[in-house]
Amino acid sequence: MNSINSQRLEYLKNIARELRIAPLYERFFELLNSGEIEKANTSAQELVIDLLEYVKTSRLDNRTAKALKALELHNPGASIDNILWNIGRTGISKHEMVELNTCNWIRSRRSIIMV
């Protein structure tokens, strides 16, 4: 990469940081290094859309991560699929839990209390 391109990339990086869209630069740099920009016969419009979608997704991921952190969950990766049902659980069956997970009870305006 020549010095002019290097300067332009540094300029793009600084502008993206100032505008608080650093993920745009990250995605552009990733596409540039992988050669996808030259290989994929994409138009400028498609490139801009790809970059902006990346920024949007990145921001959504960051918001989600911050919200999960604020919840201070003991096990944020926990899911219904990871419940061990063969250890003698009582009170609710696997079938009932799967049914509750469909959230049909919310759509039918029913309430639930779990202890």
C-alpha atoms as a PDB file:
ATOM      1  CA  MET A   1       0.000   0.000   0.000  1.00  0.00           C
ATOM      2  CA  ASN A   2       1.496   3.341  -0.994  1.00  0.00           C
ATOM      3  CA  SER A   3       1.823   6.364   1.275  1.00  0.00           C
ATOM      4  CA  ILE A   4      -1.076   8.249  -0.364  1.00  0.00           C
ATOM      5  CA  ASN A   5      -3.457   5.363   0.316  1.00  0.00           C
ATOM      6  CA  SER A   6      -2.034   5.086   3.819  1.00  0.00           C
ATOM      7  CA  GLN A   7      -2.718   8.761   4.452  1.00  0.00           C
ATOM      8  CA  ARG A   8      -6.244   8.447   3.049  1.00  0.00           C
ATOM      9  CA  LEU A   9      -6.970   5.454   5.277  1.00  0.00           C
ATOM     10  CA  GLU A  10      -5.652   7.327   8.308  1.00  0.00           C
ATOM     11  CA  TYR A  11      -7.833  10.297   7.322  1.00  0.00           C
ATOM     12  CA  LEU A  12     -10.871   8.013   6.975  1.00  0.00           C
ATOM     13  CA  LYS A  13     -10.099   6.468  10.355  1.00  0.00           C
ATOM     14  CA  ASN A  14      -9.947   9.912  12.013  1.00  0.00           C
ATOM     15  CA  ILE A  15     -13.167  11.111  10.382  1.00  0.00           C
ATOM     16  CA  ALA A  16     -14.990   7.909  11.372  1.00  0.00           C
ATOM     17  CA  ARG A  17     -13.785   8.338  14.955  1.00  0.00           C
ATOM     18  CA  GLU A  18     -14.873  11.994  15.050  1.00  0.00           C
ATOM     19  CA  LEU A  19     -18.310  11.094  13.687  1.00  0.00           C
ATOM     20  CA  ARG A  20     -18.525   8.198  16.116  1.00  0.00           C
ATOM     21  CA  ILE A  21     -18.861   5.625  13.341  1.00  0.00           C
ATOM     22  CA  ALA A  22     -15.591   3.758  13.942  1.00  0.00           C
ATOM     23  CA  PRO A  23     -17.198   0.428  12.934  1.00  0.00           C
ATOM     24  CA  LEU A  24     -17.578   1.856   9.412  1.00  0.00           C
ATOM     25  CA  TYR A  25     -13.813   2.233   9.148  1.00  0.00           C
ATOM     26  CA  GLU A  26     -13.249  -1.198  10.681  1.00  0.00           C
ATOM     27  CA  ARG A  27     -15.542  -2.834   8.121  1.00  0.00           C
ATOM     28  CA  PHE A  28     -14.017  -0.887   5.219  1.00  0.00           C
ATOM     29  CA  PHE A  29     -10.499  -1.844   6.309  1.00  0.00           C
ATOM     30  CA  GLU A  30     -11.593  -5.478   6.652  1.00  0.00           C
ATOM     31  CA  LEU A  31     -13.087  -5.489   3.131  1.00  0.00           C
ATOM     32  CA  LEU A  32     -10.019  -3.741   1.723  1.00  0.00           C
ATOM     33  CA  ASN A  33      -7.547  -6.167   3.315  1.00  0.00           C
ATOM     34  CA  SER A  34      -9.505  -9.239   2.268  1.00  0.00           C
ATOM     35  CA  GLY A  35      -9.651  -7.990  -1.321  1.00  0.00           C
ATOM     36  CA  GLU A  36     -13.437  -8.249  -1.359  1.00  0.00           C
ATOM     37  CA  ILE A  37     -13.837  -4.721  -2.705  1.00  0.00           C
ATOM     38  CA  GLU A  38     -11.834  -5.520  -5.830  1.00  0.00           C
ATOM     39  CA  LYS A  39     -13.137  -9.092  -6.205  1.00  0.00           C
ATOM     40  CA  ALA A  40     -16.833  -8.510  -5.687  1.00  0.00           C
ATOM     41  CA  ASN A  41     -18.114  -6.431  -8.526  1.00  0.00           C
ATOM     42  CA  THR A  42     -20.000  -4.183  -6.125  1.00  0.00           C
ATOM     43  CA  SER A  43     -21.173  -0.679  -6.822  1.00  0.00           C
ATOM     44  CA  ALA A  44     -20.415   2.275  -4.580  1.00  0.00           C
ATOM     45  CA  GLN A  45     -24.041   2.174  -3.460  1.00  0.00           C
ATOM     46  CA  GLU A  46     -23.762  -1.477  -2.370  1.00  0.00           C
ATOM     47  CA  LEU A  47     -20.510  -0.724  -0.543  1.00  0.00           C
ATOM     48  CA  VAL A  48     -22.054   2.190   1.358  1.00  0.00           C
ATOM     49  CA  ILE A  49     -25.090   0.072   2.265  1.00  0.00           C
ATOM     50  CA  ASP A  50     -22.830  -2.720   3.535  1.00  0.00           C
ATOM     51  CA  LEU A  51     -20.801  -0.274   5.640  1.00  0.00           C
ATOM     52  CA  LEU A  52     -23.859   1.416   7.133  1.00  0.00           C
ATOM     53  CA  GLU A  53     -25.541  -1.910   7.906  1.00  0.00           C
ATOM     54  CA  TYR A  54     -22.362  -2.949   9.700  1.00  0.00           C
ATOM     55  CA  VAL A  55     -22.447   0.222  11.809  1.00  0.00           C
ATOM     56  CA  LYS A  56     -26.131  -0.342  12.602  1.00  0.00           C
ATOM     57  CA  THR A  57     -25.527  -3.951  13.651  1.00  0.00           C
ATOM     58  CA  SER A  58     -22.486  -2.976  15.688  1.00  0.00           C
ATOM     59  CA  ARG A  59     -24.460  -0.338  17.597  1.00  0.00           C
ATOM     60  CA  LEU A  60     -27.313  -2.746  18.257  1.00  0.00           C
ATOM     61  CA  ASP A  61     -24.860  -5.375  19.529  1.00  0.00           C
ATOM     62  CA  ASN A  62     -23.250  -2.792  21.820  1.00  0.00           C
ATOM     63  CA  ARG A  63     -26.639  -1.699  23.200  1.00  0.00           C
ATOM     64  CA  THR A  64     -27.602  -5.301  23.837  1.00  0.00           C
ATOM     65  CA  ALA A  65     -24.292  -6.007  25.579  1.00  0.00           C
ATOM     66  CA  LYS A  66     -24.692  -2.918  27.786  1.00  0.00           C
ATOM     67  CA  ALA A  67     -28.271  -3.873  28.679  1.00  0.00           C
ATOM     68  CA  LEU A  68     -27.215  -7.408  29.609  1.00  0.00           C
ATOM     69  CA  LYS A  69     -24.372  -6.060  31.712  1.00  0.00           C
ATOM     70  CA  ALA A  70     -26.746  -3.659  33.492  1.00  0.00           C
ATOM     71  CA  LEU A  71     -28.998  -6.583  34.408  1.00  0.00           C
ATOM     72  CA  GLU A  72     -26.107  -8.170  36.316  1.00  0.00           C
ATOM     73  CA  LEU A  73     -27.282 -11.656  35.421  1.00  0.00           C
ATOM     74  CA  HIS A  74     -25.528 -14.521  37.191  1.00  0.00           C
ATOM     75  CA  ASN A  75     -25.413 -16.578  34.012  1.00  0.00           C
ATOM     76  CA  PRO A  76     -26.135 -14.426  30.923  1.00  0.00           C
ATOM     77  CA  GLY A  77     -25.645 -17.386  28.577  1.00  0.00           C
ATOM     78  CA  ALA A  78     -28.370 -19.428  30.258  1.00  0.00           C
ATOM     79  CA  SER A  79     -31.230 -20.676  28.123  1.00  0.00           C
ATOM     80  CA  ILE A  80     -34.117 -23.088  28.350  1.00  0.00           C
ATOM     81  CA  ASP A  81     -32.225 -25.463  26.086  1.00  0.00           C
ATOM     82  CA  ASN A  82     -29.477 -25.813  28.723  1.00  0.00           C
ATOM     83  CA  ILE A  83     -31.729 -26.938  31.596  1.00  0.00           C
ATOM     84  CA  LEU A  84     -30.822 -30.353  32.974  1.00  0.00           C
ATOM     85  CA  TRP A  85     -34.120 -32.223  33.277  1.00  0.00           C
ATOM     86  CA  ASN A  86     -32.735 -35.583  34.389  1.00  0.00           C
ATOM     87  CA  ILE A  87     -31.724 -34.500  37.907  1.00  0.00           C
ATOM     88  CA  GLY A  88     -35.081 -34.965  39.599  1.00  0.00           C
ATOM     89  CA  ARG A  89     -36.674 -31.577  39.050  1.00  0.00           C
ATOM     90  CA  THR A  90     -40.208 -31.261  40.341  1.00  0.00           C
ATOM     91  CA  GLY A  91     -42.946 -28.730  39.772  1.00  0.00           C
ATOM     92  CA  ILE A  92     -42.655 -28.066  36.044  1.00  0.00           C
ATOM     93  CA  SER A  93     -42.030 -30.486  33.227  1.00  0.00           C
ATOM     94  CA  LYS A  94     -39.852 -29.999  30.188  1.00  0.00           C
ATOM     95  CA  HIS A  95     -42.970 -29.996  28.008  1.00  0.00           C
ATOM     96  CA  GLU A  96     -44.551 -27.231  30.114  1.00  0.00           C
ATOM     97  CA  MET A  97     -41.370 -25.143  29.964  1.00  0.00           C
ATOM     98  CA  VAL A  98     -41.172 -25.499  26.180  1.00  0.00           C
ATOM     99  CA  GLU A  99     -44.806 -24.421  25.948  1.00  0.00           C
ATOM    100  CA  LEU A 100     -44.148 -21.384  28.177  1.00  0.00           C
ATOM    101  CA  ASN A 101     -41.182 -20.474  25.994  1.00  0.00           C
ATOM    102  CA  THR A 102     -43.492 -20.043  22.986  1.00  0.00           C
ATOM    103  CA  CYS A 103     -44.993 -17.044  24.839  1.00  0.00           C
ATOM    104  CA  ASN A 104     -48.507 -17.967  23.770  1.00  0.00           C
ATOM    105  CA  TRP A 105     -49.549 -17.205  27.344  1.00  0.00           C
ATOM    106  CA  ILE A 106     -48.582 -13.555  26.751  1.00  0.00           C
ATOM    107  CA  ARG A 107     -50.499 -13.324  23.485  1.00  0.00           C
ATOM    108  CA  SER A 108     -53.592 -14.781  25.164  1.00  0.00           C
ATOM    109  CA  ARG A 109     -53.261 -12.161  27.951  1.00  0.00           C
ATOM    110  CA  ARG A 110     -52.644 -14.658  30.725  1.00  0.00           C
ATOM    111  CA  SER A 111     -50.405 -14.129  33.738  1.00  0.00           C
ATOM    112  CA  ILE A 112     -47.789 -16.386  35.250  1.00  0.00           C
ATOM    113  CA  ILE A 113     -46.019 -16.382  38.580  1.00  0.00           C
ATOM    114  CA  MET A 114     -42.852 -18.459  38.943  1.00  0.00           C
ATOM    115  CA  VAL A 115     -40.943 -18.994  42.160  1.00  0.00           C
END
